[in-house]
Amino acid sequence: MSRLTDNLDSIADQLRLNLSALDAAREKTLPLCREVIRHCGRAIRAVHRQEFDQAKELLESARNLLNEAKQVVAAYTELSHAGFIRDAQKEFAEGSITLALVTGKQIPHPDELGIDSAAYLNGMGEAVGELRRYLLDNMRKGDLSRGEELLRAMDDIYNILVTMDFPDTLTGGLRRTTDMVRGVLERTRSDLTLVLRQQDLENRLEKFGGNLQQKGD
């Protein structure tokens, strides 16, 4: 071996140790993140069933798992912003924001959730899709009591997302999420407007029919 590379074996040994530790941390974190995503998915389904206490418990479990995952990768900057960590954070943001808005509470702050800006913004965008689903379910039941309130919340979220004009490498593909939100918002506004006009027309016809009956009597 050349004298110029006689330290190469020791360097390689250290690199193997570093990568082995990194791989072990990754293997420990991946199942935690998968569990976070599963808990958040179940929480969102609970929200749509209006089982809000169960949704809150599931999200609290997801928070604990996410904190555990963050502790595992704390010493490894390579993993701290890995895709699987960010995906878990995004799902946690989506579930937490959806639950808050559906139950009439303010949107939780990213510091309160303990997640980074990109994951929070994308989770907030995904929550708009869940709000549309919640609104449509209520509309099918004839409940329009919170339609306009939730539509305004969706609109407010979109108006924030379009101001985040930063490279996708920083925002985790936020442009794509924002485009999705715009389409969801337009369709929801159209659906809600149509149903509200139909309801108004039915009320007018009912009132007109009542007036005719009174005159006939």
C-alpha atoms as a PDB file:
ATOM      1  CA  MET A   1       0.000   0.000   0.000  1.00  0.00           C
ATOM      2  CA  SER A   2       1.271   3.455  -0.847  1.00  0.00           C
ATOM      3  CA  ARG A   3       2.397   5.628   2.024  1.00  0.00           C
ATOM      4  CA  LEU A   4      -0.110   8.179   0.701  1.00  0.00           C
ATOM      5  CA  THR A   5      -2.978   5.781   1.483  1.00  0.00           C
ATOM      6  CA  ASP A   6      -1.687   3.844   4.461  1.00  0.00           C
ATOM      7  CA  ASN A   7      -4.385   5.450   6.603  1.00  0.00           C
ATOM      8  CA  LEU A   8      -7.147   4.404   4.214  1.00  0.00           C
ATOM      9  CA  ASP A   9      -8.102   1.251   6.115  1.00  0.00           C
ATOM     10  CA  SER A  10      -8.679   3.171   9.350  1.00  0.00           C
ATOM     11  CA  ILE A  11     -10.732   5.754   7.460  1.00  0.00           C
ATOM     12  CA  ALA A  12     -12.806   2.970   5.889  1.00  0.00           C
ATOM     13  CA  ASP A  13     -13.369   1.358   9.282  1.00  0.00           C
ATOM     14  CA  GLN A  14     -14.653   4.642  10.695  1.00  0.00           C
ATOM     15  CA  LEU A  15     -16.902   5.175   7.699  1.00  0.00           C
ATOM     16  CA  ARG A  16     -18.364   1.686   8.133  1.00  0.00           C
ATOM     17  CA  LEU A  17     -19.040   2.383  11.798  1.00  0.00           C
ATOM     18  CA  ASN A  18     -20.715   5.697  10.933  1.00  0.00           C
ATOM     19  CA  LEU A  19     -22.867   4.176   8.229  1.00  0.00           C
ATOM     20  CA  SER A  20     -23.781   1.185  10.395  1.00  0.00           C
ATOM     21  CA  ALA A  21     -24.986   3.521  13.138  1.00  0.00           C
ATOM     22  CA  LEU A  22     -26.882   5.575  10.551  1.00  0.00           C
ATOM     23  CA  ASP A  23     -28.488   2.466   9.093  1.00  0.00           C
ATOM     24  CA  ALA A  24     -29.470   1.217  12.553  1.00  0.00           C
ATOM     25  CA  ALA A  25     -31.110   4.556  13.364  1.00  0.00           C
ATOM     26  CA  ARG A  26     -32.945   4.479  10.037  1.00  0.00           C
ATOM     27  CA  GLU A  27     -34.198   0.939  10.604  1.00  0.00           C
ATOM     28  CA  LYS A  28     -35.463   1.913  14.057  1.00  0.00           C
ATOM     29  CA  THR A  29     -37.141   5.112  12.797  1.00  0.00           C
ATOM     30  CA  LEU A  30     -38.941   3.720   9.742  1.00  0.00           C
ATOM     31  CA  PRO A  31     -41.492   1.585  11.645  1.00  0.00           C
ATOM     32  CA  LEU A  32     -42.144   4.464  14.042  1.00  0.00           C
ATOM     33  CA  CYS A  33     -42.944   6.748  11.110  1.00  0.00           C
ATOM     34  CA  ARG A  34     -45.180   4.113   9.531  1.00  0.00           C
ATOM     35  CA  GLU A  35     -47.090   3.887  12.809  1.00  0.00           C
ATOM     36  CA  VAL A  36     -47.432   7.680  12.914  1.00  0.00           C
ATOM     37  CA  ILE A  37     -48.965   7.650   9.435  1.00  0.00           C
ATOM     38  CA  ARG A  38     -51.337   4.808  10.352  1.00  0.00           C
ATOM     39  CA  HIS A  39     -52.475   6.567  13.530  1.00  0.00           C
ATOM     40  CA  CYS A  40     -53.071   9.815  11.646  1.00  0.00           C
ATOM     41  CA  GLY A  41     -55.058   8.039   8.935  1.00  0.00           C
ATOM     42  CA  ARG A  42     -57.249   6.425  11.572  1.00  0.00           C
ATOM     43  CA  ALA A  43     -57.652   9.778  13.316  1.00  0.00           C
ATOM     44  CA  ILE A  44     -58.879  11.422  10.122  1.00  0.00           C
ATOM     45  CA  ARG A  45     -61.381   8.597   9.583  1.00  0.00           C
ATOM     46  CA  ALA A  46     -62.569   9.140  13.161  1.00  0.00           C
ATOM     47  CA  VAL A  47     -63.044  12.843  12.437  1.00  0.00           C
ATOM     48  CA  HIS A  48     -65.289  12.020   9.488  1.00  0.00           C
ATOM     49  CA  ARG A  49     -67.321   9.735  11.738  1.00  0.00           C
ATOM     50  CA  GLN A  50     -67.442  12.622  14.249  1.00  0.00           C
ATOM     51  CA  GLU A  51     -65.662  10.471  16.829  1.00  0.00           C
ATOM     52  CA  PHE A  52     -63.581  13.421  17.953  1.00  0.00           C
ATOM     53  CA  ASP A  53     -62.329  12.004  21.272  1.00  0.00           C
ATOM     54  CA  GLN A  54     -60.960   8.953  19.502  1.00  0.00           C
ATOM     55  CA  ALA A  55     -59.325  11.158  16.864  1.00  0.00           C
ATOM     56  CA  LYS A  56     -57.660  13.205  19.598  1.00  0.00           C
ATOM     57  CA  GLU A  57     -56.314  10.074  21.309  1.00  0.00           C
ATOM     58  CA  LEU A  58     -54.932   8.696  18.048  1.00  0.00           C
ATOM     59  CA  LEU A  59     -53.214  11.984  17.263  1.00  0.00           C
ATOM     60  CA  GLU A  60     -51.698  12.085  20.737  1.00  0.00           C
ATOM     61  CA  SER A  61     -50.303   8.594  20.167  1.00  0.00           C
ATOM     62  CA  ALA A  62     -48.950   9.761  16.809  1.00  0.00           C
ATOM     63  CA  ARG A  63     -47.288  12.728  18.510  1.00  0.00           C
ATOM     64  CA  ASN A  64     -45.534  10.425  20.996  1.00  0.00           C
ATOM     65  CA  LEU A  65     -44.312   8.131  18.226  1.00  0.00           C
ATOM     66  CA  LEU A  66     -43.101  11.086  16.190  1.00  0.00           C
ATOM     67  CA  ASN A  67     -41.204  12.466  19.169  1.00  0.00           C
ATOM     68  CA  GLU A  68     -39.598   9.060  19.674  1.00  0.00           C
ATOM     69  CA  ALA A  69     -38.545   8.970  16.026  1.00  0.00           C
ATOM     70  CA  LYS A  70     -37.076  12.480  16.280  1.00  0.00           C
ATOM     71  CA  GLN A  71     -35.045  11.463  19.332  1.00  0.00           C
ATOM     72  CA  VAL A  72     -33.619   8.465  17.483  1.00  0.00           C
ATOM     73  CA  VAL A  73     -32.391  10.592  14.551  1.00  0.00           C
ATOM     74  CA  ALA A  74     -31.386  13.640  16.616  1.00  0.00           C
ATOM     75  CA  ALA A  75     -27.697  12.807  16.311  1.00  0.00           C
ATOM     76  CA  TYR A  76     -27.920  12.192  12.553  1.00  0.00           C
ATOM     77  CA  THR A  77     -28.492  15.291  10.459  1.00  0.00           C
ATOM     78  CA  GLU A  78     -28.713  13.079   7.364  1.00  0.00           C
ATOM     79  CA  LEU A  79     -31.915  11.527   8.743  1.00  0.00           C
ATOM     80  CA  SER A  80     -33.470  14.524  10.482  1.00  0.00           C
ATOM     81  CA  HIS A  81     -34.922  15.777   7.194  1.00  0.00           C
ATOM     82  CA  ALA A  82     -35.370  12.434   5.466  1.00  0.00           C
ATOM     83  CA  GLY A  83     -38.480  11.862   3.396  1.00  0.00           C
ATOM     84  CA  PHE A  84     -40.019   9.335   5.777  1.00  0.00           C
ATOM     85  CA  ILE A  85     -39.673  11.761   8.717  1.00  0.00           C
ATOM     86  CA  ARG A  86     -41.218  14.597   6.726  1.00  0.00           C
ATOM     87  CA  ASP A  87     -44.062  12.360   5.482  1.00  0.00           C
ATOM     88  CA  ALA A  88     -44.910  11.401   9.058  1.00  0.00           C
ATOM     89  CA  GLN A  89     -44.817  15.036  10.130  1.00  0.00           C
ATOM     90  CA  LYS A  90     -47.036  16.026   7.205  1.00  0.00           C
ATOM     91  CA  GLU A  91     -49.645  13.404   8.091  1.00  0.00           C
ATOM     92  CA  PHE A  92     -49.571  14.540  11.724  1.00  0.00           C
ATOM     93  CA  ALA A  93     -50.100  18.155  10.642  1.00  0.00           C
ATOM     94  CA  GLU A  94     -52.952  17.136   8.328  1.00  0.00           C
ATOM     95  CA  GLY A  95     -54.756  15.186  11.042  1.00  0.00           C
ATOM     96  CA  SER A  96     -54.244  17.835  13.722  1.00  0.00           C
ATOM     97  CA  ILE A  97     -55.376  20.716  11.503  1.00  0.00           C
ATOM     98  CA  THR A  98     -58.389  18.792  10.205  1.00  0.00           C
ATOM     99  CA  LEU A  99     -59.535  17.933  13.734  1.00  0.00           C
ATOM    100  CA  ALA A 100     -59.075  21.516  14.921  1.00  0.00           C
ATOM    101  CA  LEU A 101     -61.054  23.096  12.080  1.00  0.00           C
ATOM    102  CA  VAL A 102     -63.862  20.547  12.097  1.00  0.00           C
ATOM    103  CA  THR A 103     -64.324  21.007  15.857  1.00  0.00           C
ATOM    104  CA  GLY A 104     -64.322  24.803  15.592  1.00  0.00           C
ATOM    105  CA  LYS A 105     -60.869  25.416  17.061  1.00  0.00           C
ATOM    106  CA  GLN A 106     -57.997  27.522  15.763  1.00  0.00           C
ATOM    107  CA  ILE A 107     -55.333  25.896  13.617  1.00  0.00           C
ATOM    108  CA  PRO A 108     -52.471  24.605  15.802  1.00  0.00           C
ATOM    109  CA  HIS A 109     -49.101  26.341  15.435  1.00  0.00           C
ATOM    110  CA  PRO A 110     -46.237  24.313  13.901  1.00  0.00           C
ATOM    111  CA  ASP A 111     -44.209  24.810  17.095  1.00  0.00           C
ATOM    112  CA  GLU A 112     -47.097  23.330  19.063  1.00  0.00           C
ATOM    113  CA  LEU A 113     -47.012  20.281  16.797  1.00  0.00           C
ATOM    114  CA  GLY A 114     -43.208  20.138  16.819  1.00  0.00           C
ATOM    115  CA  ILE A 115     -42.801  19.831  13.051  1.00  0.00           C
ATOM    116  CA  ASP A 116     -40.891  21.729  10.384  1.00  0.00           C
ATOM    117  CA  SER A 117     -42.300  24.402   8.089  1.00  0.00           C
ATOM    118  CA  ALA A 118     -42.443  22.365   4.878  1.00  0.00           C
ATOM    119  CA  ALA A 119     -44.248  19.432   6.500  1.00  0.00           C
ATOM    120  CA  TYR A 120     -46.669  21.821   8.197  1.00  0.00           C
ATOM    121  CA  LEU A 121     -47.527  23.708   5.001  1.00  0.00           C
ATOM    122  CA  ASN A 122     -48.085  20.530   2.994  1.00  0.00           C
ATOM    123  CA  GLY A 123     -50.139  19.020   5.827  1.00  0.00           C
ATOM    124  CA  MET A 124     -52.244  22.171   5.955  1.00  0.00           C
ATOM    125  CA  GLY A 125     -52.853  21.872   2.228  1.00  0.00           C
ATOM    126  CA  GLU A 126     -53.850  18.218   2.530  1.00  0.00           C
ATOM    127  CA  ALA A 127     -56.266  19.150   5.318  1.00  0.00           C
ATOM    128  CA  VAL A 128     -58.233  21.208   2.771  1.00  0.00           C
ATOM    129  CA  GLY A 129     -59.062  17.992   0.917  1.00  0.00           C
ATOM    130  CA  GLU A 130     -60.345  16.452   4.141  1.00  0.00           C
ATOM    131  CA  LEU A 131     -62.469  19.532   4.837  1.00  0.00           C
ATOM    132  CA  ARG A 132     -64.057  19.163   1.411  1.00  0.00           C
ATOM    133  CA  ARG A 133     -64.891  15.538   2.182  1.00  0.00           C
ATOM    134  CA  TYR A 134     -66.349  16.539   5.567  1.00  0.00           C
ATOM    135  CA  LEU A 135     -68.433  19.274   3.949  1.00  0.00           C
ATOM    136  CA  LEU A 136     -69.765  16.967   1.241  1.00  0.00           C
ATOM    137  CA  ASP A 137     -70.772  14.374   3.833  1.00  0.00           C
ATOM    138  CA  ASN A 138     -72.682  17.042   5.766  1.00  0.00           C
ATOM    139  CA  MET A 139     -74.280  18.385   2.598  1.00  0.00           C
ATOM    140  CA  ARG A 140     -75.581  14.920   1.750  1.00  0.00           C
ATOM    141  CA  LYS A 141     -77.163  14.846   5.220  1.00  0.00           C
ATOM    142  CA  GLY A 142     -78.762  18.242   4.569  1.00  0.00           C
ATOM    143  CA  ASP A 143     -76.563  19.967   7.157  1.00  0.00           C
ATOM    144  CA  LEU A 144     -75.233  23.259   5.785  1.00  0.00           C
ATOM    145  CA  SER A 145     -74.764  24.937   9.164  1.00  0.00           C
ATOM    146  CA  ARG A 146     -70.961  25.208   8.923  1.00  0.00           C
ATOM    147  CA  GLY A 147     -70.557  25.143   5.160  1.00  0.00           C
ATOM    148  CA  GLU A 148     -69.615  28.770   4.660  1.00  0.00           C
ATOM    149  CA  GLU A 149     -67.409  28.861   7.783  1.00  0.00           C
ATOM    150  CA  LEU A 150     -65.338  25.888   6.658  1.00  0.00           C
ATOM    151  CA  LEU A 151     -65.197  27.162   3.079  1.00  0.00           C
ATOM    152  CA  ARG A 152     -63.740  30.437   4.393  1.00  0.00           C
ATOM    153  CA  ALA A 153     -61.137  28.449   6.334  1.00  0.00           C
ATOM    154  CA  MET A 154     -60.213  26.560   3.156  1.00  0.00           C
ATOM    155  CA  ASP A 155     -59.962  29.864   1.290  1.00  0.00           C
ATOM    156  CA  ASP A 156     -57.757  31.358   4.017  1.00  0.00           C
ATOM    157  CA  ILE A 157     -55.402  28.383   3.844  1.00  0.00           C
ATOM    158  CA  TYR A 158     -55.102  28.700   0.072  1.00  0.00           C
ATOM    159  CA  ASN A 159     -54.384  32.413   0.350  1.00  0.00           C
ATOM    160  CA  ILE A 160     -51.481  31.620   2.683  1.00  0.00           C
ATOM    161  CA  LEU A 161     -50.091  28.785   0.575  1.00  0.00           C
ATOM    162  CA  VAL A 162     -49.866  30.910  -2.599  1.00  0.00           C
ATOM    163  CA  THR A 163     -47.643  33.413  -0.776  1.00  0.00           C
ATOM    164  CA  MET A 164     -45.005  30.751  -0.011  1.00  0.00           C
ATOM    165  CA  ASP A 165     -42.946  31.410  -3.121  1.00  0.00           C
ATOM    166  CA  PHE A 166     -39.848  29.382  -2.308  1.00  0.00           C
ATOM    167  CA  PRO A 167     -38.004  26.597  -4.163  1.00  0.00           C
ATOM    168  CA  ASP A 168     -39.600  23.158  -3.967  1.00  0.00           C
ATOM    169  CA  THR A 169     -36.414  21.811  -2.398  1.00  0.00           C
ATOM    170  CA  LEU A 170     -37.232  23.948   0.655  1.00  0.00           C
ATOM    171  CA  THR A 171     -41.000  23.465   0.702  1.00  0.00           C
ATOM    172  CA  GLY A 172     -41.208  19.761  -0.131  1.00  0.00           C
ATOM    173  CA  GLY A 173     -43.191  20.184  -3.347  1.00  0.00           C
ATOM    174  CA  LEU A 174     -45.611  22.778  -1.980  1.00  0.00           C
ATOM    175  CA  ARG A 175     -46.469  24.113  -5.436  1.00  0.00           C
ATOM    176  CA  ARG A 176     -48.094  20.804  -6.322  1.00  0.00           C
ATOM    177  CA  THR A 177     -50.035  20.821  -3.042  1.00  0.00           C
ATOM    178  CA  THR A 178     -51.139  24.416  -3.641  1.00  0.00           C
ATOM    179  CA  ASP A 179     -52.391  23.546  -7.127  1.00  0.00           C
ATOM    180  CA  MET A 180     -54.389  20.680  -5.600  1.00  0.00           C
ATOM    181  CA  VAL A 181     -55.859  23.030  -2.994  1.00  0.00           C
ATOM    182  CA  ARG A 182     -56.931  25.515  -5.655  1.00  0.00           C
ATOM    183  CA  GLY A 183     -58.849  22.818  -7.534  1.00  0.00           C
ATOM    184  CA  VAL A 184     -60.459  21.475  -4.352  1.00  0.00           C
ATOM    185  CA  LEU A 185     -61.453  24.979  -3.278  1.00  0.00           C
ATOM    186  CA  GLU A 186     -63.035  25.838  -6.631  1.00  0.00           C
ATOM    187  CA  ARG A 187     -65.051  22.619  -6.724  1.00  0.00           C
ATOM    188  CA  THR A 188     -66.182  22.984  -3.120  1.00  0.00           C
ATOM    189  CA  ARG A 189     -67.246  26.595  -3.623  1.00  0.00           C
ATOM    190  CA  SER A 190     -69.233  25.563  -6.696  1.00  0.00           C
ATOM    191  CA  ASP A 191     -70.875  22.601  -4.907  1.00  0.00           C
ATOM    192  CA  LEU A 192     -71.779  24.627  -1.829  1.00  0.00           C
ATOM    193  CA  THR A 193     -73.139  27.551  -3.865  1.00  0.00           C
ATOM    194  CA  LEU A 194     -75.334  25.201  -5.876  1.00  0.00           C
ATOM    195  CA  VAL A 195     -76.740  23.517  -2.765  1.00  0.00           C
ATOM    196  CA  LEU A 196     -77.352  26.839  -0.993  1.00  0.00           C
ATOM    197  CA  ARG A 197     -79.202  28.218  -4.036  1.00  0.00           C
ATOM    198  CA  GLN A 198     -81.250  25.052  -4.272  1.00  0.00           C
ATOM    199  CA  GLN A 199     -82.107  25.295  -0.579  1.00  0.00           C
ATOM    200  CA  ASP A 200     -83.060  28.957  -0.987  1.00  0.00           C
ATOM    201  CA  LEU A 201     -85.285  28.081  -3.936  1.00  0.00           C
ATOM    202  CA  GLU A 202     -86.985  25.307  -1.964  1.00  0.00           C
ATOM    203  CA  ASN A 203     -87.588  27.695   0.933  1.00  0.00           C
ATOM    204  CA  ARG A 204     -89.098  30.274  -1.410  1.00  0.00           C
ATOM    205  CA  LEU A 205     -91.347  27.692  -3.035  1.00  0.00           C
ATOM    206  CA  GLU A 206     -92.429  26.397   0.361  1.00  0.00           C
ATOM    207  CA  LYS A 207     -93.174  29.925   1.510  1.00  0.00           C
ATOM    208  CA  PHE A 208     -95.033  30.680  -1.722  1.00  0.00           C
ATOM    209  CA  GLY A 209     -97.081  27.502  -1.370  1.00  0.00           C
ATOM    210  CA  GLY A 210     -97.922  28.446   2.213  1.00  0.00           C
ATOM    211  CA  ASN A 211     -99.091  31.892   1.108  1.00  0.00           C
ATOM    212  CA  LEU A 212    -101.295  30.386  -1.580  1.00  0.00           C
ATOM    213  CA  GLN A 213    -102.861  28.027   0.934  1.00  0.00           C
ATOM    214  CA  GLN A 214    -103.592  30.904   3.305  1.00  0.00           C
ATOM    215  CA  LYS A 215    -105.269  32.835   0.518  1.00  0.00           C
ATOM    216  CA  GLY A 216    -107.322  29.799  -0.450  1.00  0.00           C
ATOM    217  CA  ASP A 217    -108.495  29.419   3.145  1.00  0.00           C
END
